[in-house]
Amino acid sequence: MMPWSVPIMAMLATSPPAWRRVMDRRAQRVMQAAELRLTAGRAHPGGGPANGPSLRA
């Protein structure tokens, strides 16, 4: 998901320093959230298996 609408992001992309300032911060937050999920033992956002319920009888 982008922080703003596509036209705004297109204008932002014309200035690489501005693009990096916005997107590097966003990428850092995403990576920190992923690390927290992994350290908490939840590899998937829903907390369950990636492919749905288990097939145990």
PDB file of N, CA and C in Angstrom:
ATOM      1  N   MET A   1       0.845  -1.161   0.000  1.00  0.00           N
ATOM      2  CA  MET A   1       0.000   0.000   0.000  1.00  0.00           C
ATOM      3  C   MET A   1       0.895   1.230   0.000  1.00  0.00           C
ATOM      4  N   MET A   2       0.564   2.153  -0.860  1.00  0.00           N
ATOM      5  CA  MET A   2       1.337   3.391  -0.944  1.00  0.00           C
ATOM      6  C   MET A   2       0.818   4.405   0.080  1.00  0.00           C
ATOM      7  N   PRO A   3       1.694   5.298   0.544  1.00  0.00           N
ATOM      8  CA  PRO A   3       1.269   6.285   1.538  1.00  0.00           C
ATOM      9  C   PRO A   3       0.242   7.278   1.001  1.00  0.00           C
ATOM     10  N   TRP A   4       0.290   7.588  -0.307  1.00  0.00           N
ATOM     11  CA  TRP A   4      -0.636   8.549  -0.904  1.00  0.00           C
ATOM     12  C   TRP A   4      -1.147   8.003  -2.225  1.00  0.00           C
ATOM     13  N   SER A   5      -1.992   8.775  -2.901  1.00  0.00           N
ATOM     14  CA  SER A   5      -2.572   8.341  -4.170  1.00  0.00           C
ATOM     15  C   SER A   5      -1.496   8.232  -5.257  1.00  0.00           C
ATOM     16  N   VAL A   6      -1.825   7.549  -6.336  1.00  0.00           N
ATOM     17  CA  VAL A   6      -0.873   7.310  -7.421  1.00  0.00           C
ATOM     18  C   VAL A   6      -0.364   8.615  -8.037  1.00  0.00           C
ATOM     19  N   PRO A   7      -1.222   9.610  -8.342  1.00  0.00           N
ATOM     20  CA  PRO A   7      -0.677  10.853  -8.913  1.00  0.00           C
ATOM     21  C   PRO A   7       0.331  11.550  -7.990  1.00  0.00           C
ATOM     22  N   ILE A   8       0.065  11.549  -6.701  1.00  0.00           N
ATOM     23  CA  ILE A   8       1.005  12.173  -5.765  1.00  0.00           C
ATOM     24  C   ILE A   8       2.307  11.387  -5.728  1.00  0.00           C
ATOM     25  N   MET A   9       2.214  10.062  -5.717  1.00  0.00           N
ATOM     26  CA  MET A   9       3.424   9.242  -5.697  1.00  0.00           C
ATOM     27  C   MET A   9       4.215   9.415  -7.002  1.00  0.00           C
ATOM     28  N   ALA A  10       3.519   9.613  -8.123  1.00  0.00           N
ATOM     29  CA  ALA A  10       4.211   9.845  -9.395  1.00  0.00           C
ATOM     30  C   ALA A  10       4.995  11.151  -9.347  1.00  0.00           C
ATOM     31  N   MET A  11       4.398  12.190  -8.788  1.00  0.00           N
ATOM     32  CA  MET A  11       5.111  13.463  -8.650  1.00  0.00           C
ATOM     33  C   MET A  11       6.292  13.314  -7.691  1.00  0.00           C
ATOM     34  N   LEU A  12       6.098  12.582  -6.625  1.00  0.00           N
ATOM     35  CA  LEU A  12       7.165  12.361  -5.655  1.00  0.00           C
ATOM     36  C   LEU A  12       8.334  11.607  -6.295  1.00  0.00           C
ATOM     37  N   ALA A  13       8.022  10.708  -7.209  1.00  0.00           N
ATOM     38  CA  ALA A  13       9.057   9.912  -7.875  1.00  0.00           C
ATOM     39  C   ALA A  13       9.950  10.756  -8.774  1.00  0.00           C
ATOM     40  N   THR A  14       9.511  11.960  -9.134  1.00  0.00           N
ATOM     41  CA  THR A  14      10.351  12.829  -9.965  1.00  0.00           C
ATOM     42  C   THR A  14      11.492  13.444  -9.166  1.00  0.00           C
ATOM     43  N   SER A  15      11.442  13.326  -7.854  1.00  0.00           N
ATOM     44  CA  SER A  15      12.504  13.844  -6.990  1.00  0.00           C
ATOM     45  C   SER A  15      13.050  12.687  -6.145  1.00  0.00           C
ATOM     46  N   PRO A  16      14.116  12.030  -6.612  1.00  0.00           N
ATOM     47  CA  PRO A  16      14.644  10.875  -5.880  1.00  0.00           C
ATOM     48  C   PRO A  16      14.938  11.120  -4.400  1.00  0.00           C
ATOM     49  N   PRO A  17      15.495  12.267  -3.998  1.00  0.00           N
ATOM     50  CA  PRO A  17      15.721  12.460  -2.559  1.00  0.00           C
ATOM     51  C   PRO A  17      14.417  12.451  -1.750  1.00  0.00           C
ATOM     52  N   ALA A  18      13.375  13.072  -2.294  1.00  0.00           N
ATOM     53  CA  ALA A  18      12.085  13.081  -1.598  1.00  0.00           C
ATOM     54  C   ALA A  18      11.490  11.673  -1.567  1.00  0.00           C
ATOM     55  N   TRP A  19      11.590  10.951  -2.680  1.00  0.00           N
ATOM     56  CA  TRP A  19      11.082   9.573  -2.751  1.00  0.00           C
ATOM     57  C   TRP A  19      11.755   8.698  -1.692  1.00  0.00           C
ATOM     58  N   ARG A  20      13.092   8.792  -1.613  1.00  0.00           N
ATOM     59  CA  ARG A  20      13.825   7.988  -0.634  1.00  0.00           C
ATOM     60  C   ARG A  20      13.446   8.360   0.791  1.00  0.00           C
ATOM     61  N   ARG A  21      13.275   9.649   1.046  1.00  0.00           N
ATOM     62  CA  ARG A  21      12.925  10.088   2.401  1.00  0.00           C
ATOM     63  C   ARG A  21      11.589   9.480   2.830  1.00  0.00           C
ATOM     64  N   VAL A  22      10.611   9.464   1.932  1.00  0.00           N
ATOM     65  CA  VAL A  22       9.290   8.911   2.253  1.00  0.00           C
ATOM     66  C   VAL A  22       9.325   7.387   2.311  1.00  0.00           C
ATOM     67  N   MET A  23       9.866   6.761   1.279  1.00  0.00           N
ATOM     68  CA  MET A  23       9.783   5.307   1.171  1.00  0.00           C
ATOM     69  C   MET A  23      10.759   4.582   2.096  1.00  0.00           C
ATOM     70  N   ASP A  24      11.918   5.168   2.381  1.00  0.00           N
ATOM     71  CA  ASP A  24      12.844   4.519   3.312  1.00  0.00           C
ATOM     72  C   ASP A  24      12.233   4.437   4.706  1.00  0.00           C
ATOM     73  N   ARG A  25      11.548   5.496   5.117  1.00  0.00           N
ATOM     74  CA  ARG A  25      10.880   5.467   6.426  1.00  0.00           C
ATOM     75  C   ARG A  25       9.795   4.393   6.449  1.00  0.00           C
ATOM     76  N   ARG A  26       9.031   4.329   5.364  1.00  0.00           N
ATOM     77  CA  ARG A  26       7.952   3.342   5.296  1.00  0.00           C
ATOM     78  C   ARG A  26       8.515   1.920   5.302  1.00  0.00           C
ATOM     79  N   ALA A  27       9.564   1.695   4.526  1.00  0.00           N
ATOM     80  CA  ALA A  27      10.179   0.365   4.475  1.00  0.00           C
ATOM     81  C   ALA A  27      10.748  -0.024   5.836  1.00  0.00           C
ATOM     82  N   GLN A  28      11.326   0.934   6.540  1.00  0.00           N
ATOM     83  CA  GLN A  28      11.875   0.658   7.869  1.00  0.00           C
ATOM     84  C   GLN A  28      10.772   0.219   8.828  1.00  0.00           C
ATOM     85  N   ARG A  29       9.617   0.892   8.780  1.00  0.00           N
ATOM     86  CA  ARG A  29       8.501   0.508   9.654  1.00  0.00           C
ATOM     87  C   ARG A  29       7.995  -0.889   9.319  1.00  0.00           C
ATOM     88  N   VAL A  30       7.913  -1.217   8.037  1.00  0.00           N
ATOM     89  CA  VAL A  30       7.452  -2.548   7.622  1.00  0.00           C
ATOM     90  C   VAL A  30       8.429  -3.621   8.105  1.00  0.00           C
ATOM     91  N   MET A  31       9.721  -3.365   7.964  1.00  0.00           N
ATOM     92  CA  MET A  31      10.722  -4.339   8.409  1.00  0.00           C
ATOM     93  C   MET A  31      10.688  -4.520   9.926  1.00  0.00           C
ATOM     94  N   GLN A  32      10.509  -3.444  10.677  1.00  0.00           N
ATOM     95  CA  GLN A  32      10.430  -3.559  12.133  1.00  0.00           C
ATOM     96  C   GLN A  32       9.207  -4.370  12.548  1.00  0.00           C
ATOM     97  N   ALA A  33       8.074  -4.142  11.881  1.00  0.00           N
ATOM     98  CA  ALA A  33       6.866  -4.900  12.198  1.00  0.00           C
ATOM     99  C   ALA A  33       7.070  -6.384  11.891  1.00  0.00           C
ATOM    100  N   ALA A  34       7.742  -6.691  10.780  1.00  0.00           N
ATOM    101  CA  ALA A  34       8.001  -8.088  10.424  1.00  0.00           C
ATOM    102  C   ALA A  34       8.917  -8.746  11.457  1.00  0.00           C
ATOM    103  N   GLU A  35       9.934  -8.026  11.905  1.00  0.00           N
ATOM    104  CA  GLU A  35      10.832  -8.579  12.922  1.00  0.00           C
ATOM    105  C   GLU A  35      10.086  -8.843  14.224  1.00  0.00           C
ATOM    106  N   LEU A  36       9.194  -7.932  14.606  1.00  0.00           N
ATOM    107  CA  LEU A  36       8.416  -8.133  15.829  1.00  0.00           C
ATOM    108  C   LEU A  36       7.525  -9.365  15.721  1.00  0.00           C
ATOM    109  N   ARG A  37       6.899  -9.552  14.543  1.00  0.00           N
ATOM    110  CA  ARG A  37       6.052 -10.738  14.343  1.00  0.00           C
ATOM    111  C   ARG A  37       6.880 -12.007  14.451  1.00  0.00           C
ATOM    112  N   LEU A  38       8.074 -11.987  13.859  1.00  0.00           N
ATOM    113  CA  LEU A  38       8.921 -13.183  13.895  1.00  0.00           C
ATOM    114  C   LEU A  38       9.409 -13.475  15.305  1.00  0.00           C
ATOM    115  N   THR A  39       9.791 -12.457  16.052  1.00  0.00           N
ATOM    116  CA  THR A  39      10.272 -12.691  17.411  1.00  0.00           C
ATOM    117  C   THR A  39       9.139 -13.094  18.342  1.00  0.00           C
ATOM    118  N   ALA A  40       7.909 -12.726  17.997  1.00  0.00           N
ATOM    119  CA  ALA A  40       6.760 -13.114  18.810  1.00  0.00           C
ATOM    120  C   ALA A  40       6.280 -14.520  18.447  1.00  0.00           C
ATOM    121  N   GLY A  41       6.881 -15.133  17.423  1.00  0.00           N
ATOM    122  CA  GLY A  41       6.502 -16.486  17.036  1.00  0.00           C
ATOM    123  C   GLY A  41       5.355 -16.540  16.051  1.00  0.00           C
ATOM    124  N   ARG A  42       4.979 -15.392  15.513  1.00  0.00           N
ATOM    125  CA  ARG A  42       3.900 -15.347  14.526  1.00  0.00           C
ATOM    126  C   ARG A  42       4.497 -14.949  13.191  1.00  0.00           C
ATOM    127  N   ALA A  43       4.746 -15.911  12.336  1.00  0.00           N
ATOM    128  CA  ALA A  43       5.347 -15.625  11.038  1.00  0.00           C
ATOM    129  C   ALA A  43       4.345 -15.021  10.070  1.00  0.00           C
ATOM    130  N   HIS A  44       3.054 -15.160  10.343  1.00  0.00           N
ATOM    131  CA  HIS A  44       2.021 -14.657   9.447  1.00  0.00           C
ATOM    132  C   HIS A  44       1.144 -13.673  10.205  1.00  0.00           C
ATOM    133  N   PRO A  45       0.688 -12.590   9.533  1.00  0.00           N
ATOM    134  CA  PRO A  45      -0.090 -11.555  10.222  1.00  0.00           C
ATOM    135  C   PRO A  45      -1.315 -12.076  10.956  1.00  0.00           C
ATOM    136  N   GLY A  46      -1.961 -13.114  10.449  1.00  0.00           N
ATOM    137  CA  GLY A  46      -3.148 -13.649  11.095  1.00  0.00           C
ATOM    138  C   GLY A  46      -2.839 -14.515  12.298  1.00  0.00           C
ATOM    139  N   GLY A  47      -1.598 -14.875  12.477  1.00  0.00           N
ATOM    140  CA  GLY A  47      -1.197 -15.696  13.602  1.00  0.00           C
ATOM    141  C   GLY A  47      -1.352 -17.183  13.356  1.00  0.00           C
ATOM    142  N   GLY A  48      -2.009 -17.559  12.278  1.00  0.00           N
ATOM    143  CA  GLY A  48      -2.217 -18.962  11.976  1.00  0.00           C
ATOM    144  C   GLY A  48      -1.356 -19.409  10.817  1.00  0.00           C
ATOM    145  N   PRO A  49      -1.590 -20.623  10.334  1.00  0.00           N
ATOM    146  CA  PRO A  49      -0.806 -21.119   9.210  1.00  0.00           C
ATOM    147  C   PRO A  49      -1.078 -20.311   7.942  1.00  0.00           C
ATOM    148  N   ALA A  50      -0.099 -20.283   7.044  1.00  0.00           N
ATOM    149  CA  ALA A  50      -0.215 -19.485   5.827  1.00  0.00           C
ATOM    150  C   ALA A  50      -1.235 -20.064   4.858  1.00  0.00           C
ATOM    151  N   ASN A  51      -1.429 -21.380   4.862  1.00  0.00           N
ATOM    152  CA  ASN A  51      -2.286 -22.023   3.871  1.00  0.00           C
ATOM    153  C   ASN A  51      -3.622 -22.470   4.440  1.00  0.00           C
ATOM    154  N   GLY A  52      -4.108 -21.807   5.443  1.00  0.00           N
ATOM    155  CA  GLY A  52      -5.403 -22.164   5.997  1.00  0.00           C
ATOM    156  C   GLY A  52      -5.286 -23.131   7.154  1.00  0.00           C
ATOM    157  N   PRO A  53      -6.403 -23.727   7.556  1.00  0.00           N
ATOM    158  CA  PRO A  53      -6.398 -24.620   8.716  1.00  0.00           C
ATOM    159  C   PRO A  53      -5.620 -25.899   8.437  1.00  0.00           C
ATOM    160  N   SER A  54      -5.135 -26.503   9.513  1.00  0.00           N
ATOM    161  CA  SER A  54      -4.389 -27.752   9.356  1.00  0.00           C
ATOM    162  C   SER A  54      -5.343 -28.885   9.000  1.00  0.00           C
ATOM    163  N   LEU A  55      -4.786 -29.957   8.484  1.00  0.00           N
ATOM    164  CA  LEU A  55      -5.600 -31.092   8.044  1.00  0.00           C
ATOM    165  C   LEU A  55      -5.547 -32.235   9.038  1.00  0.00           C
ATOM    166  N   ARG A  56      -5.350 -31.944  10.305  1.00  0.00           N
ATOM    167  CA  ARG A  56      -5.310 -32.994  11.332  1.00  0.00           C
ATOM    168  C   ARG A  56      -6.685 -33.600  11.525  1.00  0.00           C
ATOM    169  N   ALA A  57      -6.683 -34.893  11.825  1.00  0.00           N
ATOM    170  CA  ALA A  57      -7.960 -35.582  12.032  1.00  0.00           C
ATOM    171  C   ALA A  57      -8.363 -35.552  13.477  1.00  0.00           C
TER     172      ALA A  57
END
